[in-house]
Amino acid sequence: FDGYGTHTTKDMVHRRRKKHSCADIHPTPDSVLNVKKEQFLSNESNKQRFIDLLVDVARSNGIECIQAQADADLNICLTAIDRANTKPVHLHGEDTDLLII
């Protein structure tokens, strides 16, 4: 997962995509979202808390997760190459950076 707690080279892209402002929301596994997904995710703190929640739930179910401090593209590529040495690897994504693999 990408991290959103630090400044990155993609800060300008994130600002440009930001169309709505949303209050801070602290999601839990049982939370019901009362705002549109796009609005919720426009707040970087909400996005980071949601990613943290996803990582916690996945790990508690035995799923390995790696969370980058910023952009995850390099971690995705390096992890896929490393894991491909021992087992089949499938990447699903819309990011053109994944094409290099």
N, C-alpha and C. Protein backbone atom coordinates (compact mmCIF):
# COMPACT_ATOMS: atom_id res chain seq x y z
N PHE A 1 0.83 -1.19 0.00
CA PHE A 1 0.00 0.00 0.00
C PHE A 1 0.87 1.25 0.00
N ASP A 2 0.41 2.28 -0.67
CA ASP A 2 1.08 3.57 -0.58
C ASP A 2 0.92 4.12 0.83
N GLY A 3 1.86 4.92 1.26
CA GLY A 3 1.74 5.62 2.53
C GLY A 3 1.38 7.08 2.26
N TYR A 4 0.66 7.70 3.16
CA TYR A 4 0.24 9.08 2.95
C TYR A 4 0.62 9.98 4.12
N GLY A 5 1.56 9.53 4.96
CA GLY A 5 1.93 10.33 6.11
C GLY A 5 3.10 11.26 5.88
N THR A 6 3.76 11.13 4.72
CA THR A 6 4.94 11.94 4.44
C THR A 6 4.78 12.64 3.09
N HIS A 7 5.64 13.61 2.83
CA HIS A 7 5.63 14.29 1.54
C HIS A 7 6.34 13.42 0.51
N THR A 8 5.79 13.38 -0.70
CA THR A 8 6.36 12.56 -1.76
C THR A 8 6.41 13.34 -3.05
N THR A 9 6.96 12.71 -4.06
CA THR A 9 6.99 13.31 -5.40
C THR A 9 5.61 13.39 -6.01
N LYS A 10 4.63 12.70 -5.44
CA LYS A 10 3.27 12.70 -5.98
C LYS A 10 2.34 13.69 -5.27
N ASP A 11 2.89 14.53 -4.40
CA ASP A 11 2.05 15.49 -3.67
C ASP A 11 1.22 16.37 -4.60
N MET A 12 1.82 16.84 -5.68
CA MET A 12 1.09 17.71 -6.61
C MET A 12 -0.06 16.96 -7.28
N VAL A 13 0.17 15.69 -7.62
CA VAL A 13 -0.90 14.87 -8.22
C VAL A 13 -2.03 14.70 -7.23
N HIS A 14 -1.70 14.44 -5.97
CA HIS A 14 -2.73 14.26 -4.94
C HIS A 14 -3.54 15.54 -4.76
N ARG A 15 -2.87 16.69 -4.76
CA ARG A 15 -3.59 17.96 -4.61
C ARG A 15 -4.51 18.23 -5.81
N ARG A 16 -4.03 17.90 -7.00
CA ARG A 16 -4.83 18.13 -8.20
C ARG A 16 -6.09 17.26 -8.20
N ARG A 17 -5.98 16.03 -7.71
CA ARG A 17 -7.12 15.11 -7.69
C ARG A 17 -8.12 15.45 -6.60
N LYS A 18 -7.71 16.23 -5.64
CA LYS A 18 -8.54 16.55 -4.49
C LYS A 18 -9.65 17.52 -4.91
N LYS A 19 -10.89 17.04 -4.94
CA LYS A 19 -12.01 17.86 -5.38
C LYS A 19 -12.91 18.26 -4.22
N HIS A 20 -12.98 17.43 -3.23
CA HIS A 20 -13.86 17.67 -2.09
C HIS A 20 -13.05 17.60 -0.81
N SER A 21 -13.51 18.30 0.18
CA SER A 21 -12.87 18.24 1.48
C SER A 21 -13.75 17.40 2.39
N CYS A 22 -13.13 16.62 3.25
CA CYS A 22 -13.89 15.76 4.14
C CYS A 22 -13.31 15.86 5.55
N ALA A 23 -14.18 15.80 6.53
CA ALA A 23 -13.75 15.81 7.92
C ALA A 23 -12.96 14.54 8.23
N ASP A 24 -12.18 14.57 9.30
CA ASP A 24 -11.45 13.38 9.73
C ASP A 24 -12.45 12.32 10.22
N ILE A 25 -12.29 11.11 9.70
CA ILE A 25 -13.13 9.98 10.08
C ILE A 25 -12.19 8.87 10.51
N HIS A 26 -12.52 8.21 11.62
CA HIS A 26 -11.70 7.12 12.15
C HIS A 26 -12.43 5.80 11.93
N PRO A 27 -12.14 5.11 10.80
CA PRO A 27 -12.88 3.89 10.48
C PRO A 27 -12.49 2.71 11.38
N THR A 28 -13.45 1.83 11.58
CA THR A 28 -13.25 0.56 12.28
C THR A 28 -13.78 -0.53 11.35
N PRO A 29 -13.50 -1.79 11.65
CA PRO A 29 -14.04 -2.85 10.77
C PRO A 29 -15.57 -2.84 10.67
N ASP A 30 -16.25 -2.29 11.64
CA ASP A 30 -17.71 -2.28 11.63
C ASP A 30 -18.30 -0.94 11.19
N SER A 31 -17.45 0.00 10.80
CA SER A 31 -17.93 1.33 10.42
C SER A 31 -18.81 1.28 9.17
N VAL A 32 -19.82 2.14 9.17
CA VAL A 32 -20.64 2.36 7.98
C VAL A 32 -20.30 3.77 7.50
N LEU A 33 -19.86 3.87 6.26
CA LEU A 33 -19.45 5.16 5.72
C LEU A 33 -20.67 5.95 5.27
N ASN A 34 -20.81 7.15 5.82
CA ASN A 34 -21.97 8.00 5.51
C ASN A 34 -21.63 9.13 4.53
N VAL A 35 -20.47 9.04 3.90
CA VAL A 35 -20.08 10.00 2.88
C VAL A 35 -19.65 9.21 1.65
N LYS A 36 -19.58 9.87 0.51
CA LYS A 36 -19.13 9.20 -0.70
C LYS A 36 -17.68 8.77 -0.56
N LYS A 37 -17.37 7.65 -1.16
CA LYS A 37 -16.02 7.10 -1.09
C LYS A 37 -14.98 8.13 -1.53
N GLU A 38 -15.23 8.83 -2.63
CA GLU A 38 -14.29 9.80 -3.16
C GLU A 38 -14.03 10.93 -2.16
N GLN A 39 -15.11 11.35 -1.49
CA GLN A 39 -14.97 12.42 -0.50
C GLN A 39 -14.17 11.94 0.70
N PHE A 40 -14.47 10.76 1.19
CA PHE A 40 -13.73 10.18 2.32
C PHE A 40 -12.24 10.09 1.98
N LEU A 41 -11.93 9.57 0.79
CA LEU A 41 -10.54 9.35 0.41
C LEU A 41 -9.82 10.64 0.00
N SER A 42 -10.55 11.74 -0.16
CA SER A 42 -9.89 13.01 -0.50
C SER A 42 -9.11 13.57 0.69
N ASN A 43 -9.43 13.11 1.89
CA ASN A 43 -8.70 13.51 3.10
C ASN A 43 -7.57 12.50 3.30
N GLU A 44 -6.32 12.95 3.18
CA GLU A 44 -5.18 12.04 3.26
C GLU A 44 -5.09 11.33 4.61
N SER A 45 -5.53 11.97 5.68
CA SER A 45 -5.54 11.30 6.99
C SER A 45 -6.53 10.15 6.99
N ASN A 46 -7.71 10.36 6.39
CA ASN A 46 -8.70 9.28 6.29
C ASN A 46 -8.14 8.13 5.46
N LYS A 47 -7.50 8.48 4.35
CA LYS A 47 -6.94 7.47 3.47
C LYS A 47 -5.89 6.64 4.21
N GLN A 48 -5.01 7.29 4.96
CA GLN A 48 -3.97 6.57 5.69
C GLN A 48 -4.58 5.69 6.78
N ARG A 49 -5.57 6.21 7.50
CA ARG A 49 -6.22 5.39 8.54
C ARG A 49 -6.92 4.17 7.93
N PHE A 50 -7.53 4.35 6.75
CA PHE A 50 -8.19 3.24 6.08
C PHE A 50 -7.17 2.19 5.65
N ILE A 51 -6.05 2.63 5.10
CA ILE A 51 -4.99 1.69 4.72
C ILE A 51 -4.47 0.95 5.94
N ASP A 52 -4.26 1.67 7.06
CA ASP A 52 -3.81 1.03 8.30
C ASP A 52 -4.81 -0.04 8.74
N LEU A 53 -6.10 0.27 8.63
CA LEU A 53 -7.15 -0.69 9.00
C LEU A 53 -7.10 -1.91 8.08
N LEU A 54 -6.97 -1.70 6.77
CA LEU A 54 -6.88 -2.82 5.83
C LEU A 54 -5.68 -3.71 6.13
N VAL A 55 -4.55 -3.09 6.42
CA VAL A 55 -3.34 -3.85 6.74
C VAL A 55 -3.56 -4.68 8.00
N ASP A 56 -4.13 -4.09 9.04
CA ASP A 56 -4.39 -4.82 10.28
C ASP A 56 -5.31 -6.01 10.07
N VAL A 57 -6.39 -5.80 9.32
CA VAL A 57 -7.35 -6.89 9.07
C VAL A 57 -6.70 -7.98 8.22
N ALA A 58 -5.97 -7.59 7.19
CA ALA A 58 -5.31 -8.59 6.34
C ALA A 58 -4.30 -9.40 7.13
N ARG A 59 -3.46 -8.73 7.91
CA ARG A 59 -2.45 -9.45 8.70
C ARG A 59 -3.08 -10.37 9.74
N SER A 60 -4.18 -9.93 10.34
CA SER A 60 -4.84 -10.78 11.33
C SER A 60 -5.47 -12.02 10.69
N ASN A 61 -5.60 -12.00 9.36
CA ASN A 61 -6.11 -13.15 8.62
C ASN A 61 -5.00 -13.89 7.86
N GLY A 62 -3.75 -13.65 8.26
CA GLY A 62 -2.62 -14.37 7.70
C GLY A 62 -2.16 -13.90 6.33
N ILE A 63 -2.55 -12.71 5.92
CA ILE A 63 -2.15 -12.18 4.63
C ILE A 63 -0.98 -11.22 4.83
N GLU A 64 0.11 -11.48 4.10
CA GLU A 64 1.29 -10.62 4.22
C GLU A 64 1.01 -9.28 3.54
N CYS A 65 1.33 -8.20 4.23
CA CYS A 65 1.17 -6.85 3.68
C CYS A 65 2.46 -6.08 3.88
N ILE A 66 2.78 -5.30 2.88
CA ILE A 66 3.93 -4.41 2.96
C ILE A 66 3.40 -3.01 2.69
N GLN A 67 3.69 -2.10 3.61
CA GLN A 67 3.22 -0.73 3.44
C GLN A 67 4.42 0.19 3.28
N ALA A 68 4.42 0.93 2.17
CA ALA A 68 5.50 1.87 1.89
C ALA A 68 5.31 3.14 2.71
N GLN A 69 6.39 3.86 2.92
CA GLN A 69 6.30 5.16 3.59
C GLN A 69 5.66 6.18 2.67
N ALA A 70 5.83 6.00 1.38
CA ALA A 70 5.25 6.92 0.40
C ALA A 70 4.71 6.10 -0.77
N ASP A 71 5.26 6.27 -1.96
CA ASP A 71 4.80 5.57 -3.14
C ASP A 71 5.21 4.10 -3.08
N ALA A 72 4.27 3.19 -3.34
CA ALA A 72 4.52 1.76 -3.19
C ALA A 72 5.01 1.08 -4.45
N ASP A 73 5.12 1.81 -5.56
CA ASP A 73 5.47 1.17 -6.83
C ASP A 73 6.76 0.36 -6.75
N LEU A 74 7.81 0.92 -6.19
CA LEU A 74 9.08 0.21 -6.10
C LEU A 74 8.94 -1.03 -5.22
N ASN A 75 8.25 -0.91 -4.08
CA ASN A 75 8.05 -2.06 -3.20
C ASN A 75 7.28 -3.17 -3.91
N ILE A 76 6.27 -2.80 -4.69
CA ILE A 76 5.48 -3.79 -5.42
C ILE A 76 6.38 -4.56 -6.38
N CYS A 77 7.17 -3.83 -7.15
CA CYS A 77 8.05 -4.46 -8.13
C CYS A 77 9.10 -5.35 -7.47
N LEU A 78 9.78 -4.84 -6.46
CA LEU A 78 10.82 -5.62 -5.79
C LEU A 78 10.26 -6.85 -5.10
N THR A 79 9.11 -6.72 -4.46
CA THR A 79 8.49 -7.86 -3.78
C THR A 79 8.04 -8.91 -4.79
N ALA A 80 7.44 -8.48 -5.90
CA ALA A 80 7.00 -9.43 -6.93
C ALA A 80 8.19 -10.19 -7.50
N ILE A 81 9.28 -9.49 -7.78
CA ILE A 81 10.47 -10.15 -8.32
C ILE A 81 11.04 -11.14 -7.30
N ASP A 82 11.10 -10.73 -6.03
CA ASP A 82 11.62 -11.61 -4.97
C ASP A 82 10.75 -12.86 -4.81
N ARG A 83 9.44 -12.69 -4.75
CA ARG A 83 8.53 -13.82 -4.55
C ARG A 83 8.48 -14.75 -5.77
N ALA A 84 8.71 -14.19 -6.96
CA ALA A 84 8.67 -14.99 -8.19
C ALA A 84 9.78 -16.04 -8.22
N ASN A 85 10.80 -15.87 -7.38
CA ASN A 85 11.86 -16.87 -7.31
C ASN A 85 11.40 -18.15 -6.64
N THR A 86 10.31 -18.09 -5.85
CA THR A 86 9.88 -19.27 -5.09
C THR A 86 8.45 -19.71 -5.37
N LYS A 87 7.62 -18.85 -5.97
CA LYS A 87 6.22 -19.22 -6.22
C LYS A 87 5.63 -18.33 -7.31
N PRO A 88 4.52 -18.77 -7.89
CA PRO A 88 3.87 -17.93 -8.91
C PRO A 88 3.39 -16.61 -8.31
N VAL A 89 3.52 -15.55 -9.08
CA VAL A 89 3.12 -14.21 -8.64
C VAL A 89 2.14 -13.64 -9.65
N HIS A 90 1.06 -13.06 -9.14
CA HIS A 90 0.07 -12.40 -9.99
C HIS A 90 -0.07 -10.96 -9.51
N LEU A 91 0.08 -10.02 -10.41
CA LEU A 91 -0.11 -8.61 -10.09
C LEU A 91 -1.37 -8.12 -10.78
N HIS A 92 -2.19 -7.43 -10.02
CA HIS A 92 -3.39 -6.81 -10.58
C HIS A 92 -3.32 -5.33 -10.25
N GLY A 93 -3.45 -4.49 -11.25
CA GLY A 93 -3.41 -3.07 -10.99
C GLY A 93 -3.60 -2.28 -12.26
N GLU A 94 -3.86 -1.00 -12.08
CA GLU A 94 -4.07 -0.11 -13.21
C GLU A 94 -2.89 0.81 -13.43
N ASP A 95 -1.87 0.70 -12.59
CA ASP A 95 -0.71 1.60 -12.65
C ASP A 95 0.24 1.15 -13.75
N THR A 96 0.58 2.04 -14.65
CA THR A 96 1.49 1.69 -15.75
C THR A 96 2.88 1.34 -15.26
N ASP A 97 3.24 1.75 -14.05
CA ASP A 97 4.56 1.39 -13.51
C ASP A 97 4.68 -0.12 -13.35
N LEU A 98 3.59 -0.83 -13.18
CA LEU A 98 3.62 -2.28 -13.02
C LEU A 98 3.96 -2.96 -14.34
N LEU A 99 3.82 -2.26 -15.43
CA LEU A 99 4.07 -2.83 -16.74
C LEU A 99 5.52 -3.28 -16.89
N ILE A 100 6.44 -2.66 -16.19
CA ILE A 100 7.86 -3.01 -16.35
C ILE A 100 8.16 -4.43 -15.91
N ILE A 101 7.34 -4.98 -15.06
CA ILE A 101 7.58 -6.36 -14.61
C ILE A 101 7.26 -7.31 -15.74
